[in-house]
C-alpha atoms as a PDB file:
ATOM      1  CA  MET A   1       0.238 -80.803 -26.486  1.00  0.00           C
ATOM      2  CA  SER A   2      -2.691 -82.627 -28.069  1.00  0.00           C
ATOM      3  CA  ALA A   3      -2.078 -85.937 -29.821  1.00  0.00           C
ATOM      4  CA  PRO A   4      -2.109 -86.048 -33.624  1.00  0.00           C
ATOM      5  CA  ARG A   5      -5.134 -87.291 -35.500  1.00  0.00           C
ATOM      6  CA  HIS A   6      -4.759 -90.067 -38.049  1.00  0.00           C
ATOM      7  CA  LEU A   7      -6.648 -90.568 -41.320  1.00  0.00           C
ATOM      8  CA  GLN A   8      -6.363 -92.871 -44.302  1.00  0.00           C
ATOM      9  CA  ALA A   9      -7.060 -91.852 -47.912  1.00  0.00           C
ATOM     10  CA  GLY A  10      -6.638 -94.806 -50.220  1.00  0.00           C
ATOM     11  CA  ARG A  11      -3.156 -96.106 -49.428  1.00  0.00           C
ATOM     12  CA  LEU A  12      -2.040 -92.719 -48.078  1.00  0.00           C
ATOM     13  CA  ALA A  13      -1.520 -92.341 -44.333  1.00  0.00           C
ATOM     14  CA  VAL A  14      -2.389 -88.865 -43.042  1.00  0.00           C
ATOM     15  CA  GLU A  15      -1.247 -87.322 -39.747  1.00  0.00           C
ATOM     16  CA  ILE A  16      -2.814 -84.073 -38.505  1.00  0.00           C
ATOM     17  CA  HIS A  17      -0.687 -82.179 -35.986  1.00  0.00           C
ATOM     18  CA  PRO A  18      -1.597 -79.139 -33.872  1.00  0.00           C
ATOM     19  CA  ASP A  19       0.709 -76.695 -35.648  1.00  0.00           C
ATOM     20  CA  ARG A  20       3.520 -76.517 -38.179  1.00  0.00           C
ATOM     21  CA  ALA A  21       6.230 -76.792 -35.513  1.00  0.00           C
ATOM     22  CA  ALA A  22       4.805 -80.104 -34.288  1.00  0.00           C
ATOM     23  CA  LEU A  23       4.345 -81.274 -37.874  1.00  0.00           C
ATOM     24  CA  GLY A  24       7.956 -80.520 -38.700  1.00  0.00           C
ATOM     25  CA  ARG A  25       9.268 -82.131 -35.545  1.00  0.00           C
ATOM     26  CA  VAL A  26       7.380 -85.399 -35.998  1.00  0.00           C
ATOM     27  CA  ALA A  27       8.072 -85.631 -39.733  1.00  0.00           C
ATOM     28  CA  GLY A  28      11.757 -84.826 -39.252  1.00  0.00           C
ATOM     29  CA  ARG A  29      12.136 -87.552 -36.657  1.00  0.00           C
ATOM     30  CA  ALA A  30      10.248 -90.058 -38.792  1.00  0.00           C
ATOM     31  CA  VAL A  31      12.460 -89.402 -41.814  1.00  0.00           C
ATOM     32  CA  ALA A  32      15.591 -89.568 -39.664  1.00  0.00           C
ATOM     33  CA  ARG A  33      14.470 -92.933 -38.298  1.00  0.00           C
ATOM     34  CA  HIS A  34      13.782 -94.203 -41.804  1.00  0.00           C
ATOM     35  CA  LEU A  35      17.161 -93.032 -43.115  1.00  0.00           C
ATOM     36  CA  ARG A  36      18.977 -94.509 -40.136  1.00  0.00           C
ATOM     37  CA  GLU A  37      17.343 -97.881 -40.778  1.00  0.00           C
ATOM     38  CA  LEU A  38      17.835 -97.657 -44.533  1.00  0.00           C
ATOM     39  CA  LEU A  39      21.527 -96.815 -44.239  1.00  0.00           C
ATOM     40  CA  ALA A  40      22.056 -99.619 -41.734  1.00  0.00           C
ATOM     41  CA  ARG A  41      20.385-102.078 -44.104  1.00  0.00           C
ATOM     42  CA  GLN A  42      21.791-101.079 -47.504  1.00  0.00           C
ATOM     43  CA  GLY A  43      24.600 -98.622 -46.776  1.00  0.00           C
ATOM     44  CA  SER A  44      23.320 -95.800 -48.982  1.00  0.00           C
ATOM     45  CA  ALA A  45      20.190 -93.772 -49.730  1.00  0.00           C
ATOM     46  CA  ARG A  46      19.123 -91.625 -52.678  1.00  0.00           C
ATOM     47  CA  VAL A  47      16.858 -88.820 -51.485  1.00  0.00           C
ATOM     48  CA  ILE A  48      15.050 -85.983 -53.284  1.00  0.00           C
ATOM     49  CA  PHE A  49      14.216 -82.851 -51.290  1.00  0.00           C
ATOM     50  CA  ALA A  50      11.627 -80.143 -51.891  1.00  0.00           C
ATOM     51  CA  CYS A  51      12.853 -76.550 -51.603  1.00  0.00           C
ATOM     52  CA  ALA A  52      10.183 -74.225 -50.213  1.00  0.00           C
ATOM     53  CA  PRO A  53       9.358 -72.332 -47.002  1.00  0.00           C
ATOM     54  CA  SER A  54       6.841 -75.070 -46.152  1.00  0.00           C
ATOM     55  CA  GLN A  55       9.815 -77.364 -45.546  1.00  0.00           C
ATOM     56  CA  ASP A  56      11.691 -75.107 -43.102  1.00  0.00           C
ATOM     57  CA  GLU A  57      10.545 -76.749 -39.871  1.00  0.00           C
ATOM     58  CA  PHE A  58      10.860 -80.258 -41.280  1.00  0.00           C
ATOM     59  CA  LEU A  59      14.442 -79.765 -42.477  1.00  0.00           C
ATOM     60  CA  ALA A  60      15.514 -78.177 -39.180  1.00  0.00           C
ATOM     61  CA  ALA A  61      13.997 -81.094 -37.277  1.00  0.00           C
ATOM     62  CA  LEU A  62      15.615 -83.639 -39.605  1.00  0.00           C
ATOM     63  CA  ILE A  63      19.048 -82.093 -39.050  1.00  0.00           C
ATOM     64  CA  ALA A  64      18.553 -82.097 -35.283  1.00  0.00           C
ATOM     65  CA  ALA A  65      17.294 -85.687 -35.235  1.00  0.00           C
ATOM     66  CA  SER A  66      20.195 -86.876 -37.392  1.00  0.00           C
ATOM     67  CA  ARG A  67      22.574 -85.626 -34.689  1.00  0.00           C
ATOM     68  CA  SER A  68      20.733 -87.230 -31.780  1.00  0.00           C
ATOM     69  CA  ALA A  69      21.798 -90.369 -29.950  1.00  0.00           C
ATOM     70  CA  GLU A  70      18.457 -92.014 -30.657  1.00  0.00           C
ATOM     71  CA  LEU A  71      18.101 -91.322 -34.386  1.00  0.00           C
ATOM     72  CA  GLY A  72      21.537 -90.168 -35.515  1.00  0.00           C
ATOM     73  CA  PHE A  73      23.093 -91.363 -38.755  1.00  0.00           C
ATOM     74  CA  ASP A  74      26.031 -90.584 -41.035  1.00  0.00           C
ATOM     75  CA  TRP A  75      24.953 -88.388 -43.938  1.00  0.00           C
ATOM     76  CA  ALA A  76      27.937 -89.634 -45.952  1.00  0.00           C
ATOM     77  CA  GLY A  77      25.758 -92.456 -47.239  1.00  0.00           C
ATOM     78  CA  VAL A  78      23.125 -90.054 -48.611  1.00  0.00           C
ATOM     79  CA  THR A  79      23.010 -88.860 -52.204  1.00  0.00           C
ATOM     80  CA  ALA A  80      20.785 -85.772 -52.403  1.00  0.00           C
ATOM     81  CA  PHE A  81      18.729 -84.397 -55.284  1.00  0.00           C
ATOM     82  CA  HIS A  82      16.145 -81.631 -55.536  1.00  0.00           C
ATOM     83  CA  MET A  83      13.023 -81.545 -57.644  1.00  0.00           C
ATOM     84  CA  ASP A  84      12.848 -78.259 -59.538  1.00  0.00           C
ATOM     85  CA  ASP A  85      14.316 -74.848 -60.295  1.00  0.00           C
ATOM     86  CA  TYR A  86      13.641 -71.827 -62.466  1.00  0.00           C
ATOM     87  CA  VAL A  87      14.935 -71.882 -66.026  1.00  0.00           C
ATOM     88  CA  GLY A  88      18.148 -69.891 -66.338  1.00  0.00           C
ATOM     89  CA  PHE A  89      18.759 -69.376 -62.628  1.00  0.00           C
ATOM     90  CA  ALA A  90      22.340 -69.850 -61.449  1.00  0.00           C
ATOM     91  CA  ALA A  91      23.053 -71.750 -58.236  1.00  0.00           C
ATOM     92  CA  ASP A  92      23.765 -68.519 -56.328  1.00  0.00           C
ATOM     93  CA  HIS A  93      20.624 -66.676 -57.449  1.00  0.00           C
ATOM     94  CA  PRO A  94      18.747 -65.518 -54.310  1.00  0.00           C
ATOM     95  CA  GLN A  95      15.627 -67.486 -55.349  1.00  0.00           C
ATOM     96  CA  SER A  96      17.425 -70.553 -56.682  1.00  0.00           C
ATOM     97  CA  PHE A  97      16.171 -73.749 -55.082  1.00  0.00           C
ATOM     98  CA  ARG A  98      19.751 -74.985 -54.973  1.00  0.00           C
ATOM     99  CA  ARG A  99      20.582 -72.013 -52.787  1.00  0.00           C
ATOM    100  CA  TYR A 100      17.583 -72.791 -50.554  1.00  0.00           C
ATOM    101  CA  LEU A 101      18.671 -76.401 -50.078  1.00  0.00           C
ATOM    102  CA  ARG A 102      22.214 -75.390 -49.232  1.00  0.00           C
ATOM    103  CA  ALA A 103      21.037 -72.849 -46.650  1.00  0.00           C
ATOM    104  CA  HIS A 104      18.504 -75.181 -45.021  1.00  0.00           C
ATOM    105  CA  LEU A 105      20.277 -78.555 -45.274  1.00  0.00           C
ATOM    106  CA  LEU A 106      23.544 -78.957 -47.156  1.00  0.00           C
ATOM    107  CA  ASP A 107      25.476 -76.296 -45.228  1.00  0.00           C
ATOM    108  CA  HIS A 108      24.619 -78.177 -42.023  1.00  0.00           C
ATOM    109  CA  VAL A 109      25.227 -81.824 -42.931  1.00  0.00           C
ATOM    110  CA  ALA A 110      27.895 -83.568 -45.001  1.00  0.00           C
ATOM    111  CA  VAL A 111      26.040 -85.627 -47.591  1.00  0.00           C
ATOM    112  CA  GLY A 112      28.016 -88.097 -49.638  1.00  0.00           C
ATOM    113  CA  ALA A 113      26.961 -86.402 -52.881  1.00  0.00           C
ATOM    114  CA  PHE A 114      24.639 -83.656 -54.037  1.00  0.00           C
ATOM    115  CA  HIS A 115      23.388 -83.571 -57.616  1.00  0.00           C
ATOM    116  CA  PRO A 116      22.116 -80.062 -58.423  1.00  0.00           C
ATOM    117  CA  LEU A 117      19.665 -79.474 -61.244  1.00  0.00           C
ATOM    118  CA  PRO A 118      21.749 -77.264 -63.568  1.00  0.00           C
ATOM    119  CA  ALA A 119      19.061 -74.726 -64.450  1.00  0.00           C
ATOM    120  CA  GLU A 120      21.551 -72.279 -65.948  1.00  0.00           C
ATOM    121  CA  LEU A 121      22.320 -74.696 -68.818  1.00  0.00           C
ATOM    122  CA  PRO A 122      20.229 -74.943 -71.991  1.00  0.00           C
ATOM    123  CA  PRO A 123      17.024 -76.630 -70.821  1.00  0.00           C
ATOM    124  CA  ALA A 124      17.341 -79.709 -73.053  1.00  0.00           C
ATOM    125  CA  VAL A 125      20.863 -80.310 -71.748  1.00  0.00           C
ATOM    126  CA  ALA A 126      19.846 -79.797 -68.124  1.00  0.00           C
ATOM    127  CA  CYS A 127      16.893 -82.178 -68.442  1.00  0.00           C
ATOM    128  CA  ALA A 128      18.942 -84.912 -70.119  1.00  0.00           C
ATOM    129  CA  ARG A 129      21.763 -84.718 -67.581  1.00  0.00           C
ATOM    130  CA  TYR A 130      19.462 -84.824 -64.571  1.00  0.00           C
ATOM    131  CA  ALA A 131      17.334 -87.596 -66.041  1.00  0.00           C
ATOM    132  CA  ALA A 132      20.465 -89.736 -66.413  1.00  0.00           C
ATOM    133  CA  LEU A 133      21.451 -89.146 -62.779  1.00  0.00           C
ATOM    134  CA  LEU A 134      17.953 -90.039 -61.565  1.00  0.00           C
ATOM    135  CA  ALA A 135      17.888 -93.206 -63.664  1.00  0.00           C
ATOM    136  CA  ALA A 136      21.206 -94.519 -62.325  1.00  0.00           C
ATOM    137  CA  ALA A 137      19.504 -96.253 -59.368  1.00  0.00           C
ATOM    138  CA  PRO A 138      16.128 -96.265 -57.576  1.00  0.00           C
ATOM    139  CA  ILE A 139      15.068 -93.260 -55.518  1.00  0.00           C
ATOM    140  CA  ASP A 140      14.652 -94.381 -51.918  1.00  0.00           C
ATOM    141  CA  LEU A 141      12.804 -91.364 -50.527  1.00  0.00           C
ATOM    142  CA  ILE A 142      11.228 -88.110 -51.643  1.00  0.00           C
ATOM    143  CA  CYS A 143      10.599 -85.366 -49.072  1.00  0.00           C
ATOM    144  CA  LEU A 144       7.995 -83.155 -50.663  1.00  0.00           C
ATOM    145  CA  GLY A 145       5.287 -80.541 -50.296  1.00  0.00           C
ATOM    146  CA  ILE A 146       2.025 -79.858 -52.099  1.00  0.00           C
ATOM    147  CA  GLY A 147       1.350 -76.573 -53.872  1.00  0.00           C
ATOM    148  CA  GLU A 148      -1.666 -74.350 -53.363  1.00  0.00           C
ATOM    149  CA  ASN A 149      -2.919 -75.604 -56.743  1.00  0.00           C
ATOM    150  CA  GLY A 150      -2.242 -79.241 -55.814  1.00  0.00           C
ATOM    151  CA  HIS A 151       1.020 -79.477 -57.713  1.00  0.00           C
ATOM    152  CA  LEU A 152       3.901 -81.819 -56.919  1.00  0.00           C
ATOM    153  CA  ALA A 153       7.201 -80.122 -57.754  1.00  0.00           C
ATOM    154  CA  PHE A 154       6.199 -77.833 -60.662  1.00  0.00           C
ATOM    155  CA  ASN A 155       3.682 -80.256 -62.168  1.00  0.00           C
ATOM    156  CA  ASP A 156       0.839 -77.737 -62.199  1.00  0.00           C
ATOM    157  CA  PRO A 157      -2.574 -78.999 -63.366  1.00  0.00           C
ATOM    158  CA  PRO A 158      -2.206 -77.711 -66.970  1.00  0.00           C
ATOM    159  CA  VAL A 159       1.095 -79.579 -67.520  1.00  0.00           C
ATOM    160  CA  ALA A 160       0.822 -82.560 -65.159  1.00  0.00           C
ATOM    161  CA  ASP A 161       0.905 -86.037 -66.707  1.00  0.00           C
ATOM    162  CA  PHE A 162       0.582 -89.197 -64.608  1.00  0.00           C
ATOM    163  CA  ALA A 163       2.161 -91.167 -67.472  1.00  0.00           C
ATOM    164  CA  ASP A 164       4.798 -88.610 -68.477  1.00  0.00           C
ATOM    165  CA  PRO A 165       7.326 -90.245 -70.835  1.00  0.00           C
ATOM    166  CA  VAL A 166      10.219 -88.216 -69.406  1.00  0.00           C
ATOM    167  CA  SER A 167      11.506 -87.775 -65.851  1.00  0.00           C
ATOM    168  CA  VAL A 168      12.590 -84.122 -66.178  1.00  0.00           C
ATOM    169  CA  LYS A 169      10.976 -81.444 -68.339  1.00  0.00           C
ATOM    170  CA  VAL A 170      10.507 -77.715 -68.872  1.00  0.00           C
ATOM    171  CA  VAL A 171       7.101 -76.364 -67.879  1.00  0.00           C
ATOM    172  CA  ALA A 172       5.184 -73.095 -68.040  1.00  0.00           C
ATOM    173  CA  LEU A 173       4.046 -72.143 -64.537  1.00  0.00           C
ATOM    174  CA  ASP A 174       0.351 -71.411 -64.091  1.00  0.00           C
ATOM    175  CA  ASP A 175      -0.879 -68.243 -62.389  1.00  0.00           C
ATOM    176  CA  ALA A 176      -1.822 -70.004 -59.142  1.00  0.00           C
ATOM    177  CA  CYS A 177       1.670 -71.442 -58.831  1.00  0.00           C
ATOM    178  CA  ARG A 178       3.303 -68.101 -59.551  1.00  0.00           C
ATOM    179  CA  ARG A 179       1.042 -66.347 -57.031  1.00  0.00           C
ATOM    180  CA  GLN A 180       2.106 -68.877 -54.409  1.00  0.00           C
ATOM    181  CA  GLN A 181       5.723 -67.790 -54.837  1.00  0.00           C
ATOM    182  CA  VAL A 182       4.618 -64.261 -53.906  1.00  0.00           C
ATOM    183  CA  ASN A 183       2.486 -65.554 -51.021  1.00  0.00           C
ATOM    184  CA  ASP A 184       5.510 -67.453 -49.706  1.00  0.00           C
ATOM    185  CA  GLY A 185       7.587 -64.276 -49.742  1.00  0.00           C
ATOM    186  CA  CYS A 186      10.008 -65.584 -52.360  1.00  0.00           C
ATOM    187  CA  PHE A 187       9.300 -62.742 -54.823  1.00  0.00           C
ATOM    188  CA  PRO A 188       7.924 -59.229 -54.206  1.00  0.00           C
ATOM    189  CA  THR A 189       5.385 -59.186 -57.058  1.00  0.00           C
ATOM    190  CA  LEU A 190       3.842 -61.561 -59.583  1.00  0.00           C
ATOM    191  CA  ALA A 191       5.761 -59.856 -62.363  1.00  0.00           C
ATOM    192  CA  ASP A 192       9.013 -60.869 -60.671  1.00  0.00           C
ATOM    193  CA  VAL A 193       8.168 -64.587 -60.675  1.00  0.00           C
ATOM    194  CA  PRO A 194       9.671 -66.545 -63.584  1.00  0.00           C
ATOM    195  CA  THR A 195       7.252 -68.033 -66.085  1.00  0.00           C
ATOM    196  CA  HIS A 196       9.137 -71.299 -66.759  1.00  0.00           C
ATOM    197  CA  ALA A 197      10.877 -73.928 -64.679  1.00  0.00           C
ATOM    198  CA  LEU A 198      12.544 -77.312 -64.827  1.00  0.00           C
ATOM    199  CA  THR A 199      10.770 -80.021 -62.868  1.00  0.00           C
ATOM    200  CA  LEU A 200      10.846 -83.713 -62.090  1.00  0.00           C
ATOM    201  CA  THR A 201       7.684 -85.312 -63.458  1.00  0.00           C
ATOM    202  CA  LEU A 202       4.943 -87.263 -61.702  1.00  0.00           C
ATOM    203  CA  PRO A 203       6.275 -90.760 -62.527  1.00  0.00           C
ATOM    204  CA  VAL A 204       9.373 -89.950 -60.458  1.00  0.00           C
ATOM    205  CA  PHE A 205       7.102 -89.562 -57.432  1.00  0.00           C
ATOM    206  CA  ARG A 206       5.064 -92.624 -58.345  1.00  0.00           C
ATOM    207  CA  ASP A 207       8.160 -94.823 -58.626  1.00  0.00           C
ATOM    208  CA  ALA A 208      10.060 -93.631 -55.536  1.00  0.00           C
ATOM    209  CA  ARG A 209      10.140 -96.208 -52.766  1.00  0.00           C
ATOM    210  CA  ARG A 210       8.850 -93.886 -50.049  1.00  0.00           C
ATOM    211  CA  LEU A 211       7.196 -90.451 -49.931  1.00  0.00           C
ATOM    212  CA  SER A 212       7.087 -88.080 -46.963  1.00  0.00           C
ATOM    213  CA  ALA A 213       4.906 -84.998 -47.609  1.00  0.00           C
ATOM    214  CA  HIS A 214       4.948 -81.950 -45.305  1.00  0.00           C
ATOM    215  CA  VAL A 215       2.116 -79.481 -45.893  1.00  0.00           C
ATOM    216  CA  PRO A 216       1.447 -76.791 -43.266  1.00  0.00           C
ATOM    217  CA  GLY A 217      -0.676 -73.668 -43.215  1.00  0.00           C
ATOM    218  CA  PRO A 218      -4.135 -72.347 -44.091  1.00  0.00           C
ATOM    219  CA  ARG A 219      -3.278 -71.549 -47.717  1.00  0.00           C
ATOM    220  CA  LYS A 220      -2.853 -75.292 -48.325  1.00  0.00           C
ATOM    221  CA  ALA A 221      -6.268 -76.287 -46.946  1.00  0.00           C
ATOM    222  CA  ALA A 222      -8.040 -76.421 -50.316  1.00  0.00           C
ATOM    223  CA  ALA A 223      -5.215 -78.432 -51.883  1.00  0.00           C
ATOM    224  CA  VAL A 224      -5.201 -80.879 -48.976  1.00  0.00           C
ATOM    225  CA  ARG A 225      -8.953 -81.382 -49.296  1.00  0.00           C
ATOM    226  CA  ALA A 226      -8.607 -81.988 -53.033  1.00  0.00           C
ATOM    227  CA  THR A 227      -5.689 -84.356 -52.503  1.00  0.00           C
ATOM    228  CA  LEU A 228      -7.719 -86.541 -50.160  1.00  0.00           C
ATOM    229  CA  HIS A 229     -11.225 -86.258 -51.642  1.00  0.00           C
ATOM    230  CA  ASP A 230     -11.192 -85.251 -55.322  1.00  0.00           C
ATOM    231  CA  PRO A 231     -11.105 -87.779 -58.179  1.00  0.00           C
ATOM    232  CA  ARG A 232      -7.599 -88.954 -58.978  1.00  0.00           C
ATOM    233  CA  GLY A 233      -6.307 -86.887 -61.876  1.00  0.00           C
ATOM    234  CA  THR A 234      -4.295 -83.950 -63.063  1.00  0.00           C
ATOM    235  CA  ALA A 235      -6.819 -81.373 -61.851  1.00  0.00           C
ATOM    236  CA  CYS A 236      -5.069 -82.057 -58.538  1.00  0.00           C
ATOM    237  CA  PRO A 237      -1.739 -83.751 -59.274  1.00  0.00           C
ATOM    238  CA  ALA A 238      -1.239 -84.562 -55.572  1.00  0.00           C
ATOM    239  CA  THR A 239      -4.067 -87.121 -55.771  1.00  0.00           C
ATOM    240  CA  LEU A 240      -1.250 -89.387 -56.992  1.00  0.00           C
ATOM    241  CA  LEU A 241      -0.254 -89.775 -53.327  1.00  0.00           C
ATOM    242  CA  ARG A 242      -3.361 -91.819 -52.569  1.00  0.00           C
ATOM    243  CA  ASP A 243      -2.110 -94.702 -54.726  1.00  0.00           C
ATOM    244  CA  HIS A 244       1.467 -94.842 -53.461  1.00  0.00           C
ATOM    245  CA  PRO A 245       2.285 -97.980 -51.430  1.00  0.00           C
ATOM    246  CA  ASP A 246       4.435 -96.180 -48.842  1.00  0.00           C
ATOM    247  CA  ALA A 247       3.473 -92.533 -48.383  1.00  0.00           C
ATOM    248  CA  THR A 248       2.653 -90.344 -45.380  1.00  0.00           C
ATOM    249  CA  LEU A 249       1.119 -86.870 -45.509  1.00  0.00           C
ATOM    250  CA  TYR A 250       1.895 -84.658 -42.502  1.00  0.00           C
ATOM    251  CA  ILE A 251      -0.407 -81.635 -42.138  1.00  0.00           C
ATOM    252  CA  ASP A 252      -1.301 -79.206 -39.376  1.00  0.00           C
ATOM    253  CA  GLU A 253      -4.757 -78.210 -38.162  1.00  0.00           C
ATOM    254  CA  ALA A 254      -4.704 -75.128 -40.398  1.00  0.00           C
ATOM    255  CA  ALA A 255      -4.095 -77.215 -43.513  1.00  0.00           C
ATOM    256  CA  ALA A 256      -6.788 -79.661 -42.391  1.00  0.00           C
ATOM    257  CA  ALA A 257      -9.460 -76.975 -42.008  1.00  0.00           C
ATOM    258  CA  ASP A 258     -11.444 -77.979 -45.121  1.00  0.00           C
ATOM    259  CA  LEU A 259     -11.464 -81.741 -44.523  1.00  0.00           C
ATOM    260  CA  ARG A 260     -14.732 -83.591 -44.094  1.00  0.00           C
END
């Protein structure tokens, strides 16, 4: 298998891997190594996870690495969060992001605590409760993706704010974001995709101690190019990654197709 290529965009380290399987494997092992070291040093870790098909290979690799002799660690020290969900969705809704995270991670490892975003509650209540949980201590790591429109979580360009005064808010989803949910196979038609969601805001990503972004596939190529080359700003919220002091972007050759 060919070796990965390495780039730098501002402070952001970029690794280009041959395919999404290799991307997931390398990123999963890197995050496992980081969590192992973090838990050995401070005894606990607060981690936010993205919930999307783009994370499937990464999460599978992270689970496998966490059970290995080389990189294994005890998940009991990990407190897990997620970054968004659709307004009104219960935890067992087929498209709930809480359900995704349970199927792809939490049913396979025994974390010390999981704090679900309670999207079925009145939005103001859900936002306030989750904001308080996030503020209780620093976030050590966010495992994230980038949307086809350059969003982080559900901070689409029309609603993104690099200086957002709140850490959790309700947003209207733009058409590009909603179309991505159909492209990903999460909903059969655009009409089935909810119009509003709860999301962590951009300062949560800015202030987290470490970011690990996993972005495979040809539909992400334009967003990856914008992330690395466009002016920093809300037209591509993911340009925030270029200023973070400890962030790595893992992409595959398909997602790198538009890079100069």
